[in-house]
Amino acid sequence: MIIAVPETEPLVKELRERFDYSAGVGVPAHITILYPFMPPHEITPAVVAELRDLFARFSAFEFALTELRRFPEYLHLFPSPAEPFKMLTNAVVERYPKYPPYGGAFAEVIPHLTVAGEIEAAQLDDIEREFMRQHGAQLPVKAKANEVRLIENSSGRWEVRQAYQLATHN
């Protein structure tokens, strides 16, 4: 489950295509809400409806990708505020506890948008300098989260299986 962030594509598309495997298999620039989720064959119409109802309880929200930071071997843009993303993740995990974020590999989930990944530190230094030289003045990137997309890759490419609208208030 992801929130696509098309507003960042002009900044990250070229780097993601070079240094983020997921970009080459159909995953747009995004912030992950939950990965992995249940296998596609287990996602029944009842699960689809439960997720629709769950996400409808949350309002669409604005955020900004404010800074470029690193995790070991990865370069990311970080959203502010991060809390709405965490709330969405926590709500899904509360409903589906068999599917912890990243398989339970991390004690804390930190919302982020991957720019480059699984790269040695020296190359990440170069990528970070390149990004900041080309796009640093364009930060922060303002965006809006309107929907959560359930994507799956049973075909070998990631495709949207279902899009869930977040509530809008006029």
C-alpha atoms as a PDB file:
ATOM      1  CA  MET A   1       0.000   0.000   0.000  1.00  0.00           C
ATOM      2  CA  ILE A   2       1.437   3.322  -1.057  1.00  0.00           C
ATOM      3  CA  ILE A   3       0.654   6.980  -1.409  1.00  0.00           C
ATOM      4  CA  ALA A   4       1.962   8.056  -4.801  1.00  0.00           C
ATOM      5  CA  VAL A   5       3.669  11.443  -4.836  1.00  0.00           C
ATOM      6  CA  PRO A   6       3.627  12.584  -8.478  1.00  0.00           C
ATOM      7  CA  GLU A   7       4.694  16.070  -7.417  1.00  0.00           C
ATOM      8  CA  THR A   8       8.215  14.686  -6.844  1.00  0.00           C
ATOM      9  CA  GLU A   9       8.632  12.967 -10.205  1.00  0.00           C
ATOM     10  CA  PRO A  10      10.456  15.914 -11.852  1.00  0.00           C
ATOM     11  CA  LEU A  11      13.040  15.755  -9.066  1.00  0.00           C
ATOM     12  CA  VAL A  12      13.432  12.010  -8.529  1.00  0.00           C
ATOM     13  CA  LYS A  13      12.416  10.228 -11.736  1.00  0.00           C
ATOM     14  CA  GLU A  14      15.852  10.063 -13.368  1.00  0.00           C
ATOM     15  CA  LEU A  15      17.650   9.053 -10.173  1.00  0.00           C
ATOM     16  CA  ARG A  16      15.004   6.488  -9.257  1.00  0.00           C
ATOM     17  CA  GLU A  17      15.240   4.954 -12.726  1.00  0.00           C
ATOM     18  CA  ARG A  18      19.007   4.598 -12.256  1.00  0.00           C
ATOM     19  CA  PHE A  19      19.195   3.692  -8.586  1.00  0.00           C
ATOM     20  CA  ASP A  20      15.851   2.322  -7.340  1.00  0.00           C
ATOM     21  CA  TYR A  21      14.892  -1.102  -8.656  1.00  0.00           C
ATOM     22  CA  SER A  22      11.193  -0.551  -7.901  1.00  0.00           C
ATOM     23  CA  ALA A  23      10.973   2.340 -10.394  1.00  0.00           C
ATOM     24  CA  GLY A  24      11.842  -0.028 -13.232  1.00  0.00           C
ATOM     25  CA  VAL A  25       9.053  -2.436 -12.346  1.00  0.00           C
ATOM     26  CA  GLY A  26       6.228   0.077 -12.235  1.00  0.00           C
ATOM     27  CA  VAL A  27       6.328   1.594  -8.746  1.00  0.00           C
ATOM     28  CA  PRO A  28       5.885   5.386  -8.867  1.00  0.00           C
ATOM     29  CA  ALA A  29       7.562   7.807  -6.486  1.00  0.00           C
ATOM     30  CA  HIS A  30       5.715   7.078  -3.260  1.00  0.00           C
ATOM     31  CA  ILE A  31       5.584   6.846   0.494  1.00  0.00           C
ATOM     32  CA  THR A  32       4.862   3.328   1.699  1.00  0.00           C
ATOM     33  CA  ILE A  33       1.915   2.807   4.013  1.00  0.00           C
ATOM     34  CA  LEU A  34       2.369  -0.953   4.360  1.00  0.00           C
ATOM     35  CA  TYR A  35       4.645  -3.495   2.731  1.00  0.00           C
ATOM     36  CA  PRO A  36       4.323  -6.401   2.500  1.00  0.00           C
ATOM     37  CA  PHE A  37       0.601  -7.024   2.626  1.00  0.00           C
ATOM     38  CA  MET A  38      -1.333 -10.226   2.122  1.00  0.00           C
ATOM     39  CA  PRO A  39      -0.777 -12.269  -1.041  1.00  0.00           C
ATOM     40  CA  PRO A  40      -2.971 -11.125  -3.944  1.00  0.00           C
ATOM     41  CA  HIS A  41      -4.999 -14.360  -4.011  1.00  0.00           C
ATOM     42  CA  GLU A  42      -6.037 -13.740  -0.382  1.00  0.00           C
ATOM     43  CA  ILE A  43      -7.409 -10.260  -1.054  1.00  0.00           C
ATOM     44  CA  THR A  44     -11.106 -11.001  -1.209  1.00  0.00           C
ATOM     45  CA  PRO A  45     -13.942  -8.571  -1.951  1.00  0.00           C
ATOM     46  CA  ALA A  46     -14.467  -8.417   1.829  1.00  0.00           C
ATOM     47  CA  VAL A  47     -10.848  -7.277   2.352  1.00  0.00           C
ATOM     48  CA  VAL A  48     -11.241  -4.673  -0.406  1.00  0.00           C
ATOM     49  CA  ALA A  49     -14.391  -3.347   1.305  1.00  0.00           C
ATOM     50  CA  GLU A  50     -12.743  -3.344   4.750  1.00  0.00           C
ATOM     51  CA  LEU A  51      -9.824  -1.330   3.413  1.00  0.00           C
ATOM     52  CA  ARG A  52     -12.154   1.111   1.647  1.00  0.00           C
ATOM     53  CA  ASP A  53     -14.028   1.691   4.905  1.00  0.00           C
ATOM     54  CA  LEU A  54     -10.813   1.956   6.907  1.00  0.00           C
ATOM     55  CA  PHE A  55      -9.220   4.563   4.634  1.00  0.00           C
ATOM     56  CA  ALA A  56     -12.476   6.542   4.318  1.00  0.00           C
ATOM     57  CA  ARG A  57     -12.129   7.332   8.038  1.00  0.00           C
ATOM     58  CA  PHE A  58      -8.986   9.367   7.309  1.00  0.00           C
ATOM     59  CA  SER A  59      -8.950  12.814   5.774  1.00  0.00           C
ATOM     60  CA  ALA A  60      -6.860  13.739   2.771  1.00  0.00           C
ATOM     61  CA  PHE A  61      -3.912  15.826   3.916  1.00  0.00           C
ATOM     62  CA  GLU A  62      -1.205  18.126   2.682  1.00  0.00           C
ATOM     63  CA  PHE A  63       2.446  17.523   3.371  1.00  0.00           C
ATOM     64  CA  ALA A  64       5.843  18.602   2.132  1.00  0.00           C
ATOM     65  CA  LEU A  65       8.966  16.658   1.322  1.00  0.00           C
ATOM     66  CA  THR A  66      11.361  18.879   3.171  1.00  0.00           C
ATOM     67  CA  GLU A  67      14.777  17.275   3.259  1.00  0.00           C
ATOM     68  CA  LEU A  68      17.040  14.663   1.778  1.00  0.00           C
ATOM     69  CA  ARG A  69      18.454  12.199   4.328  1.00  0.00           C
ATOM     70  CA  ARG A  70      20.112   8.824   4.401  1.00  0.00           C
ATOM     71  CA  PHE A  71      19.488   5.468   5.918  1.00  0.00           C
ATOM     72  CA  PRO A  72      22.360   3.053   5.445  1.00  0.00           C
ATOM     73  CA  GLU A  73      22.604   2.338   1.690  1.00  0.00           C
ATOM     74  CA  TYR A  74      19.540   4.500   0.872  1.00  0.00           C
ATOM     75  CA  LEU A  75      18.794   8.123   0.051  1.00  0.00           C
ATOM     76  CA  HIS A  76      15.300   9.411   0.907  1.00  0.00           C
ATOM     77  CA  LEU A  77      13.104  12.473   0.954  1.00  0.00           C
ATOM     78  CA  PHE A  78      11.230  12.842   4.230  1.00  0.00           C
ATOM     79  CA  PRO A  79       7.676  14.145   4.605  1.00  0.00           C
ATOM     80  CA  SER A  80       6.501  16.717   7.082  1.00  0.00           C
ATOM     81  CA  PRO A  81       4.284  16.095   8.847  1.00  0.00           C
ATOM     82  CA  ALA A  82       5.051  12.367   9.077  1.00  0.00           C
ATOM     83  CA  GLU A  83       2.308  11.594  11.574  1.00  0.00           C
ATOM     84  CA  PRO A  84      -0.579  11.130   9.071  1.00  0.00           C
ATOM     85  CA  PHE A  85       1.428   8.435   7.287  1.00  0.00           C
ATOM     86  CA  LYS A  86       2.165   6.686  10.565  1.00  0.00           C
ATOM     87  CA  MET A  87      -1.519   6.845  11.533  1.00  0.00           C
ATOM     88  CA  LEU A  88      -2.520   5.171   8.258  1.00  0.00           C
ATOM     89  CA  THR A  89       0.109   2.458   8.720  1.00  0.00           C
ATOM     90  CA  ASN A  90      -0.921   1.854  12.318  1.00  0.00           C
ATOM     91  CA  ALA A  91      -4.591   1.592  11.375  1.00  0.00           C
ATOM     92  CA  VAL A  92      -3.896  -1.061   8.723  1.00  0.00           C
ATOM     93  CA  VAL A  93      -1.595  -3.011  11.045  1.00  0.00           C
ATOM     94  CA  GLU A  94      -4.167  -2.851  13.836  1.00  0.00           C
ATOM     95  CA  ARG A  95      -6.750  -4.355  11.477  1.00  0.00           C
ATOM     96  CA  TYR A  96      -4.308  -6.859   9.897  1.00  0.00           C
ATOM     97  CA  PRO A  97      -1.701  -7.660  12.577  1.00  0.00           C
ATOM     98  CA  LYS A  98      -0.297 -10.600  10.590  1.00  0.00           C
ATOM     99  CA  TYR A  99       1.284  -8.041   8.240  1.00  0.00           C
ATOM    100  CA  PRO A 100       3.684  -5.782  10.163  1.00  0.00           C
ATOM    101  CA  PRO A 101       5.527  -3.124   8.164  1.00  0.00           C
ATOM    102  CA  TYR A 102       8.571  -4.504   6.350  1.00  0.00           C
ATOM    103  CA  GLY A 103       7.833  -7.901   7.892  1.00  0.00           C
ATOM    104  CA  GLY A 104       8.662  -6.546  11.359  1.00  0.00           C
ATOM    105  CA  ALA A 105      12.284  -5.813  10.408  1.00  0.00           C
ATOM    106  CA  PHE A 106      12.295  -2.347  12.021  1.00  0.00           C
ATOM    107  CA  ALA A 107      11.207  -1.232  15.474  1.00  0.00           C
ATOM    108  CA  GLU A 108       9.980   2.101  14.122  1.00  0.00           C
ATOM    109  CA  VAL A 109       8.439   2.902  10.765  1.00  0.00           C
ATOM    110  CA  ILE A 110       9.792   6.160   9.360  1.00  0.00           C
ATOM    111  CA  PRO A 111       7.784   7.479   6.391  1.00  0.00           C
ATOM    112  CA  HIS A 112      10.035   8.282   3.438  1.00  0.00           C
ATOM    113  CA  LEU A 113      10.258   8.495  -0.338  1.00  0.00           C
ATOM    114  CA  THR A 114      13.193   6.515  -1.725  1.00  0.00           C
ATOM    115  CA  VAL A 115      15.392   8.334  -4.224  1.00  0.00           C
ATOM    116  CA  ALA A 116      18.173   5.722  -4.474  1.00  0.00           C
ATOM    117  CA  GLY A 117      18.750   2.438  -2.752  1.00  0.00           C
ATOM    118  CA  GLU A 118      21.087  -0.437  -1.978  1.00  0.00           C
ATOM    119  CA  ILE A 119      24.143   1.598  -2.904  1.00  0.00           C
ATOM    120  CA  GLU A 120      27.576   1.940  -1.315  1.00  0.00           C
ATOM    121  CA  ALA A 121      28.205   5.034   0.809  1.00  0.00           C
ATOM    122  CA  ALA A 122      30.667   6.661  -1.612  1.00  0.00           C
ATOM    123  CA  GLN A 123      28.217   6.420  -4.502  1.00  0.00           C
ATOM    124  CA  LEU A 124      25.403   7.707  -2.276  1.00  0.00           C
ATOM    125  CA  ASP A 125      27.584  10.741  -1.511  1.00  0.00           C
ATOM    126  CA  ASP A 126      27.817  11.440  -5.258  1.00  0.00           C
ATOM    127  CA  ILE A 127      24.076  10.923  -5.785  1.00  0.00           C
ATOM    128  CA  GLU A 128      23.248  13.180  -2.848  1.00  0.00           C
ATOM    129  CA  ARG A 129      25.510  15.954  -4.216  1.00  0.00           C
ATOM    130  CA  GLU A 130      23.981  15.534  -7.689  1.00  0.00           C
ATOM    131  CA  PHE A 131      20.440  15.724  -6.319  1.00  0.00           C
ATOM    132  CA  MET A 132      21.144  18.799  -4.188  1.00  0.00           C
ATOM    133  CA  ARG A 133      22.955  20.571  -7.053  1.00  0.00           C
ATOM    134  CA  GLN A 134      20.088  19.925  -9.482  1.00  0.00           C
ATOM    135  CA  HIS A 135      17.065  20.059  -7.173  1.00  0.00           C
ATOM    136  CA  GLY A 136      17.998  21.320  -3.708  1.00  0.00           C
ATOM    137  CA  ALA A 137      16.537  24.767  -4.414  1.00  0.00           C
ATOM    138  CA  GLN A 138      13.198  23.097  -5.262  1.00  0.00           C
ATOM    139  CA  LEU A 139      12.782  21.716  -1.742  1.00  0.00           C
ATOM    140  CA  PRO A 140      10.397  21.575  -0.065  1.00  0.00           C
ATOM    141  CA  VAL A 141       8.051  19.885  -2.525  1.00  0.00           C
ATOM    142  CA  LYS A 142       4.439  20.394  -1.496  1.00  0.00           C
ATOM    143  CA  ALA A 143       2.031  17.530  -2.081  1.00  0.00           C
ATOM    144  CA  LYS A 144      -1.367  16.205  -1.100  1.00  0.00           C
ATOM    145  CA  ALA A 145      -2.328  12.682  -0.085  1.00  0.00           C
ATOM    146  CA  ASN A 146      -5.764  11.928  -1.547  1.00  0.00           C
ATOM    147  CA  GLU A 147      -5.663   8.168  -1.902  1.00  0.00           C
ATOM    148  CA  VAL A 148      -3.928   5.014  -0.807  1.00  0.00           C
ATOM    149  CA  ARG A 149      -3.122   2.586  -3.596  1.00  0.00           C
ATOM    150  CA  LEU A 150      -3.020  -1.147  -3.114  1.00  0.00           C
ATOM    151  CA  ILE A 151      -0.445  -2.332  -5.626  1.00  0.00           C
ATOM    152  CA  GLU A 152       0.573  -5.885  -6.452  1.00  0.00           C
ATOM    153  CA  ASN A 153       3.112  -7.559  -8.712  1.00  0.00           C
ATOM    154  CA  SER A 154       1.673 -10.931  -9.681  1.00  0.00           C
ATOM    155  CA  SER A 155       2.438 -10.073 -13.332  1.00  0.00           C
ATOM    156  CA  GLY A 156       6.081  -9.212 -12.589  1.00  0.00           C
ATOM    157  CA  ARG A 157       5.302  -5.472 -12.687  1.00  0.00           C
ATOM    158  CA  TRP A 158       3.675  -3.501  -9.905  1.00  0.00           C
ATOM    159  CA  GLU A 159       0.175  -2.395 -10.849  1.00  0.00           C
ATOM    160  CA  VAL A 160      -2.645  -0.673  -9.000  1.00  0.00           C
ATOM    161  CA  ARG A 161      -5.136  -3.246  -7.849  1.00  0.00           C
ATOM    162  CA  GLN A 162      -7.342  -0.839  -5.925  1.00  0.00           C
ATOM    163  CA  ALA A 163      -7.283   2.869  -5.061  1.00  0.00           C
ATOM    164  CA  TYR A 164      -8.850   3.984  -1.785  1.00  0.00           C
ATOM    165  CA  GLN A 165      -9.941   7.579  -1.441  1.00  0.00           C
ATOM    166  CA  LEU A 166      -9.194   9.469   1.725  1.00  0.00           C
ATOM    167  CA  ALA A 167     -12.062  11.627   2.963  1.00  0.00           C
ATOM    168  CA  THR A 168     -12.335  15.163   1.676  1.00  0.00           C
ATOM    169  CA  HIS A 169     -14.031  17.944   3.567  1.00  0.00           C
ATOM    170  CA  ASN A 170     -15.371  21.012   1.803  1.00  0.00           C
END
